[in-house]
């Protein structure tokens, strides 16, 4: 698969794609709770980018994500949703990442 084909697949899953360098892209999306979450993928080839997406999806830790926001709320960050909403949102983010990884792997 070529990079432009891969980028079309990513965009079809409603992800924003911003080029950071010749071989680096930032993928971002809003969660159901309004969190703007993103990650970078590197790779000179589409296959390397797919591997980065799969690795990120596989390593996303729901509990760690929730704990980060609970701690932020304790430290005065405004607009952090309830813990119940954070749990549901983190699960949805994990599912969204898995769905993206599956889509680009085909």
N, C-alpha and C. Protein backbone atom coordinates (compact mmCIF):
# COMPACT_ATOMS: atom_id res chain seq x y z
N UNK A 1 0.84 -1.17 0.00
CA UNK A 1 0.00 0.00 0.00
C UNK A 1 0.89 1.24 0.00
N UNK A 2 0.44 2.28 -0.67
CA UNK A 2 1.17 3.54 -0.72
C UNK A 2 0.69 4.45 0.40
N UNK A 3 1.54 5.43 0.74
CA UNK A 3 1.21 6.35 1.83
C UNK A 3 -0.09 7.09 1.57
N UNK A 4 -0.29 7.56 0.33
CA UNK A 4 -1.51 8.33 0.07
C UNK A 4 -2.75 7.46 0.23
N UNK A 5 -2.67 6.18 -0.08
CA UNK A 5 -3.80 5.26 0.14
C UNK A 5 -4.04 5.08 1.64
N UNK A 6 -2.96 4.93 2.39
CA UNK A 6 -3.06 4.78 3.84
C UNK A 6 -3.69 6.02 4.47
N UNK A 7 -3.27 7.19 4.04
CA UNK A 7 -3.81 8.43 4.59
C UNK A 7 -5.30 8.56 4.29
N UNK A 8 -5.73 8.10 3.13
CA UNK A 8 -7.16 8.11 2.79
C UNK A 8 -7.95 7.21 3.74
N UNK A 9 -7.40 6.05 4.05
CA UNK A 9 -8.06 5.13 4.98
C UNK A 9 -8.17 5.78 6.36
N UNK A 10 -7.09 6.39 6.82
CA UNK A 10 -7.09 7.04 8.13
C UNK A 10 -8.15 8.14 8.17
N UNK A 11 -8.19 8.96 7.15
CA UNK A 11 -9.17 10.06 7.09
C UNK A 11 -10.59 9.52 7.00
N UNK A 12 -10.77 8.37 6.35
CA UNK A 12 -12.12 7.80 6.24
C UNK A 12 -12.65 7.35 7.60
N UNK A 13 -11.76 7.16 8.58
CA UNK A 13 -12.15 6.81 9.95
C UNK A 13 -12.27 8.07 10.82
N UNK A 14 -12.33 9.22 10.16
CA UNK A 14 -12.56 10.53 10.80
C UNK A 14 -11.40 11.01 11.67
N UNK A 15 -10.19 10.63 11.29
CA UNK A 15 -9.01 11.15 11.96
C UNK A 15 -8.47 12.33 11.15
N UNK A 16 -7.96 13.35 11.84
CA UNK A 16 -7.24 14.43 11.18
C UNK A 16 -5.79 14.00 11.03
N UNK A 17 -5.19 14.39 9.93
CA UNK A 17 -3.81 14.02 9.67
C UNK A 17 -3.02 15.29 9.37
N UNK A 18 -2.00 15.54 10.17
CA UNK A 18 -1.13 16.70 9.95
C UNK A 18 0.29 16.20 9.76
N UNK A 19 0.91 16.67 8.69
CA UNK A 19 2.28 16.28 8.40
C UNK A 19 3.21 17.06 9.31
N UNK A 20 4.08 16.35 10.02
CA UNK A 20 5.04 16.98 10.92
C UNK A 20 6.41 17.10 10.27
N UNK A 21 6.75 16.13 9.42
CA UNK A 21 8.02 16.13 8.70
C UNK A 21 7.84 15.23 7.48
N UNK A 22 8.90 14.96 6.77
CA UNK A 22 8.79 14.10 5.58
C UNK A 22 8.34 12.69 5.91
N UNK A 23 8.61 12.26 7.13
CA UNK A 23 8.26 10.89 7.50
C UNK A 23 7.43 10.80 8.78
N UNK A 24 6.87 11.91 9.21
CA UNK A 24 6.13 11.91 10.47
C UNK A 24 4.79 12.62 10.29
N UNK A 25 3.75 12.00 10.87
CA UNK A 25 2.39 12.56 10.82
C UNK A 25 1.78 12.52 12.21
N UNK A 26 0.97 13.53 12.53
CA UNK A 26 0.21 13.54 13.77
C UNK A 26 -1.22 13.22 13.43
N UNK A 27 -1.74 12.15 14.05
CA UNK A 27 -3.13 11.73 13.87
C UNK A 27 -3.90 12.21 15.09
N UNK A 28 -5.03 12.87 14.87
CA UNK A 28 -5.80 13.39 16.00
C UNK A 28 -7.29 13.26 15.75
N UNK A 29 -8.01 13.25 16.87
CA UNK A 29 -9.45 13.07 16.82
C UNK A 29 -10.03 13.52 18.15
N UNK A 30 -11.30 13.91 18.15
CA UNK A 30 -11.99 14.25 19.39
C UNK A 30 -12.74 13.04 19.90
N UNK A 31 -12.65 12.83 21.21
CA UNK A 31 -13.39 11.74 21.84
C UNK A 31 -14.83 12.17 22.06
N UNK A 32 -15.65 11.24 22.49
CA UNK A 32 -17.06 11.53 22.79
C UNK A 32 -17.21 12.59 23.87
N UNK A 33 -16.24 12.63 24.80
CA UNK A 33 -16.29 13.61 25.89
C UNK A 33 -15.59 14.92 25.53
N UNK A 34 -15.14 15.01 24.28
CA UNK A 34 -14.53 16.25 23.81
C UNK A 34 -13.04 16.36 23.97
N UNK A 35 -12.39 15.27 24.36
CA UNK A 35 -10.93 15.29 24.48
C UNK A 35 -10.31 15.24 23.09
N UNK A 36 -9.36 16.12 22.86
CA UNK A 36 -8.60 16.11 21.61
C UNK A 36 -7.40 15.21 21.85
N UNK A 37 -7.48 13.97 21.38
CA UNK A 37 -6.36 13.06 21.60
C UNK A 37 -5.63 12.82 20.29
N UNK A 38 -4.32 12.62 20.40
CA UNK A 38 -3.50 12.49 19.19
C UNK A 38 -2.25 11.69 19.49
N UNK A 39 -1.63 11.25 18.42
CA UNK A 39 -0.34 10.58 18.53
C UNK A 39 0.38 10.72 17.19
N UNK A 40 1.69 10.55 17.23
CA UNK A 40 2.50 10.67 16.01
C UNK A 40 2.85 9.29 15.49
N UNK A 41 2.91 9.21 14.18
CA UNK A 41 3.39 8.00 13.52
C UNK A 41 4.58 8.39 12.66
N UNK A 42 5.58 7.56 12.68
CA UNK A 42 6.77 7.79 11.88
C UNK A 42 6.93 6.65 10.90
N UNK A 43 7.56 6.95 9.83
CA UNK A 43 7.87 5.90 8.88
C UNK A 43 8.07 6.43 7.48
N UNK A 44 9.09 5.93 6.86
CA UNK A 44 9.34 6.29 5.47
C UNK A 44 8.36 5.58 4.55
N UNK A 45 7.77 4.49 5.05
CA UNK A 45 6.84 3.72 4.23
C UNK A 45 5.49 3.58 4.93
N UNK A 46 4.49 3.24 4.15
CA UNK A 46 3.16 3.00 4.72
C UNK A 46 3.20 1.85 5.72
N UNK A 47 3.96 0.81 5.42
CA UNK A 47 4.05 -0.33 6.33
C UNK A 47 4.59 0.07 7.70
N UNK A 48 5.57 0.96 7.72
CA UNK A 48 6.12 1.43 8.99
C UNK A 48 5.08 2.26 9.75
N UNK A 49 4.30 3.04 9.01
CA UNK A 49 3.25 3.83 9.65
C UNK A 49 2.17 2.93 10.23
N UNK A 50 1.80 1.89 9.49
CA UNK A 50 0.81 0.93 9.98
C UNK A 50 1.31 0.27 11.26
N UNK A 51 2.59 -0.09 11.29
CA UNK A 51 3.17 -0.72 12.47
C UNK A 51 3.10 0.23 13.66
N UNK A 52 3.35 1.53 13.45
CA UNK A 52 3.26 2.52 14.52
C UNK A 52 1.83 2.64 15.05
N UNK A 53 0.87 2.66 14.15
CA UNK A 53 -0.53 2.75 14.55
C UNK A 53 -0.93 1.54 15.38
N UNK A 54 -0.56 0.36 14.91
CA UNK A 54 -0.88 -0.87 15.64
C UNK A 54 -0.23 -0.87 17.02
N UNK A 55 1.03 -0.45 17.08
CA UNK A 55 1.76 -0.41 18.35
C UNK A 55 1.08 0.55 19.33
N UNK A 56 0.68 1.72 18.84
CA UNK A 56 0.03 2.69 19.71
C UNK A 56 -1.31 2.13 20.22
N UNK A 57 -2.09 1.55 19.32
CA UNK A 57 -3.38 0.97 19.72
C UNK A 57 -3.18 -0.14 20.74
N UNK A 58 -2.20 -1.00 20.51
CA UNK A 58 -1.94 -2.11 21.42
C UNK A 58 -1.48 -1.65 22.80
N UNK A 59 -0.80 -0.50 22.84
CA UNK A 59 -0.21 -0.03 24.10
C UNK A 59 -1.06 1.01 24.82
N UNK A 60 -2.21 1.38 24.25
CA UNK A 60 -3.06 2.34 24.94
C UNK A 60 -3.59 1.69 26.20
N UNK A 61 -3.36 2.35 27.33
CA UNK A 61 -3.75 1.83 28.64
C UNK A 61 -4.93 2.64 29.17
N UNK A 62 -6.08 2.01 29.21
CA UNK A 62 -7.30 2.69 29.65
C UNK A 62 -7.14 3.24 31.06
N UNK A 63 -6.65 2.42 31.98
CA UNK A 63 -6.51 2.87 33.37
C UNK A 63 -5.54 4.04 33.50
N UNK A 64 -4.44 3.96 32.79
CA UNK A 64 -3.45 5.04 32.84
C UNK A 64 -4.06 6.34 32.31
N UNK A 65 -4.85 6.23 31.26
CA UNK A 65 -5.50 7.40 30.68
C UNK A 65 -6.47 8.04 31.68
N UNK A 66 -7.26 7.21 32.33
CA UNK A 66 -8.21 7.70 33.33
C UNK A 66 -7.46 8.36 34.50
N UNK A 67 -6.43 7.68 34.98
CA UNK A 67 -5.66 8.20 36.11
C UNK A 67 -5.05 9.56 35.79
N UNK A 68 -4.59 9.73 34.55
CA UNK A 68 -4.00 11.00 34.13
C UNK A 68 -5.01 12.13 34.29
N UNK A 69 -6.26 11.88 33.87
CA UNK A 69 -7.29 12.92 33.95
C UNK A 69 -7.79 13.13 35.38
N UNK A 70 -7.86 12.08 36.16
CA UNK A 70 -8.26 12.24 37.56
C UNK A 70 -7.22 13.10 38.28
N UNK A 71 -5.97 12.83 38.05
CA UNK A 71 -4.89 13.61 38.66
C UNK A 71 -4.95 15.06 38.18
N UNK A 72 -5.22 15.25 36.90
CA UNK A 72 -5.33 16.62 36.36
C UNK A 72 -6.46 17.36 37.06
N UNK A 73 -7.57 16.68 37.27
CA UNK A 73 -8.72 17.30 37.95
C UNK A 73 -8.35 17.69 39.38
N UNK A 74 -7.61 16.81 40.07
CA UNK A 74 -7.16 17.10 41.43
C UNK A 74 -6.25 18.32 41.47
N UNK A 75 -5.52 18.52 40.37
CA UNK A 75 -4.57 19.64 40.30
C UNK A 75 -5.20 20.91 39.74
N UNK A 76 -6.53 20.90 39.63
CA UNK A 76 -7.23 22.13 39.26
C UNK A 76 -7.53 22.33 37.79
N UNK A 77 -7.27 21.34 36.96
CA UNK A 77 -7.60 21.47 35.54
C UNK A 77 -9.13 21.50 35.42
N UNK A 78 -9.62 22.52 34.77
CA UNK A 78 -11.08 22.65 34.65
C UNK A 78 -11.59 21.88 33.44
N UNK A 79 -12.85 21.52 33.49
CA UNK A 79 -13.49 20.86 32.36
C UNK A 79 -13.29 19.36 32.30
N UNK A 80 -12.65 18.78 33.30
CA UNK A 80 -12.46 17.34 33.32
C UNK A 80 -13.79 16.68 33.69
N UNK A 81 -14.25 15.73 32.89
CA UNK A 81 -15.53 15.08 33.17
C UNK A 81 -15.48 14.23 34.43
N UNK A 82 -16.64 13.71 34.81
CA UNK A 82 -16.74 12.81 35.96
C UNK A 82 -15.94 11.54 35.69
N UNK A 83 -15.63 10.82 36.76
CA UNK A 83 -14.88 9.57 36.60
C UNK A 83 -15.66 8.58 35.74
N UNK A 84 -16.94 8.50 35.94
CA UNK A 84 -17.76 7.60 35.12
C UNK A 84 -17.65 7.94 33.64
N UNK A 85 -17.72 9.23 33.32
CA UNK A 85 -17.59 9.64 31.92
C UNK A 85 -16.18 9.39 31.41
N UNK A 86 -15.18 9.58 32.26
CA UNK A 86 -13.79 9.30 31.86
C UNK A 86 -13.60 7.83 31.51
N UNK A 87 -14.22 6.94 32.30
CA UNK A 87 -14.11 5.51 32.05
C UNK A 87 -14.73 5.16 30.70
N UNK A 88 -15.94 5.65 30.47
CA UNK A 88 -16.61 5.37 29.20
C UNK A 88 -15.84 5.95 28.02
N UNK A 89 -15.31 7.15 28.21
CA UNK A 89 -14.57 7.81 27.14
C UNK A 89 -13.27 7.07 26.83
N UNK A 90 -12.56 6.65 27.86
CA UNK A 90 -11.30 5.92 27.65
C UNK A 90 -11.56 4.59 26.93
N UNK A 91 -12.64 3.92 27.28
CA UNK A 91 -13.00 2.68 26.58
C UNK A 91 -13.29 2.96 25.11
N UNK A 92 -13.99 4.06 24.84
CA UNK A 92 -14.32 4.42 23.46
C UNK A 92 -13.05 4.78 22.68
N UNK A 93 -12.11 5.47 23.33
CA UNK A 93 -10.84 5.80 22.67
C UNK A 93 -10.10 4.52 22.31
N UNK A 94 -10.04 3.59 23.25
CA UNK A 94 -9.35 2.32 22.99
C UNK A 94 -9.99 1.59 21.81
N UNK A 95 -11.31 1.57 21.77
CA UNK A 95 -12.02 0.91 20.67
C UNK A 95 -11.76 1.63 19.35
N UNK A 96 -11.73 2.95 19.39
CA UNK A 96 -11.46 3.73 18.19
C UNK A 96 -10.06 3.45 17.66
N UNK A 97 -9.10 3.33 18.56
CA UNK A 97 -7.73 3.02 18.16
C UNK A 97 -7.65 1.61 17.56
N UNK A 98 -8.34 0.66 18.18
CA UNK A 98 -8.37 -0.71 17.62
C UNK A 98 -9.00 -0.73 16.23
N UNK A 99 -10.06 0.02 16.08
CA UNK A 99 -10.75 0.10 14.78
C UNK A 99 -9.84 0.71 13.72
N UNK A 100 -9.09 1.74 14.08
CA UNK A 100 -8.15 2.34 13.14
C UNK A 100 -7.06 1.34 12.77
N UNK A 101 -6.51 0.66 13.77
CA UNK A 101 -5.46 -0.32 13.50
C UNK A 101 -5.95 -1.43 12.57
N UNK A 102 -7.17 -1.88 12.79
CA UNK A 102 -7.74 -2.92 11.91
C UNK A 102 -7.92 -2.40 10.49
N UNK A 103 -8.41 -1.17 10.36
CA UNK A 103 -8.67 -0.60 9.04
C UNK A 103 -7.39 -0.44 8.22
N UNK A 104 -6.33 0.01 8.87
CA UNK A 104 -5.08 0.24 8.11
C UNK A 104 -4.32 -1.06 7.89
N UNK A 105 -4.67 -2.10 8.60
CA UNK A 105 -3.97 -3.38 8.47
C UNK A 105 -4.53 -4.24 7.34
N UNK A 106 -5.62 -3.81 6.74
CA UNK A 106 -6.22 -4.63 5.68
C UNK A 106 -5.71 -4.30 4.31
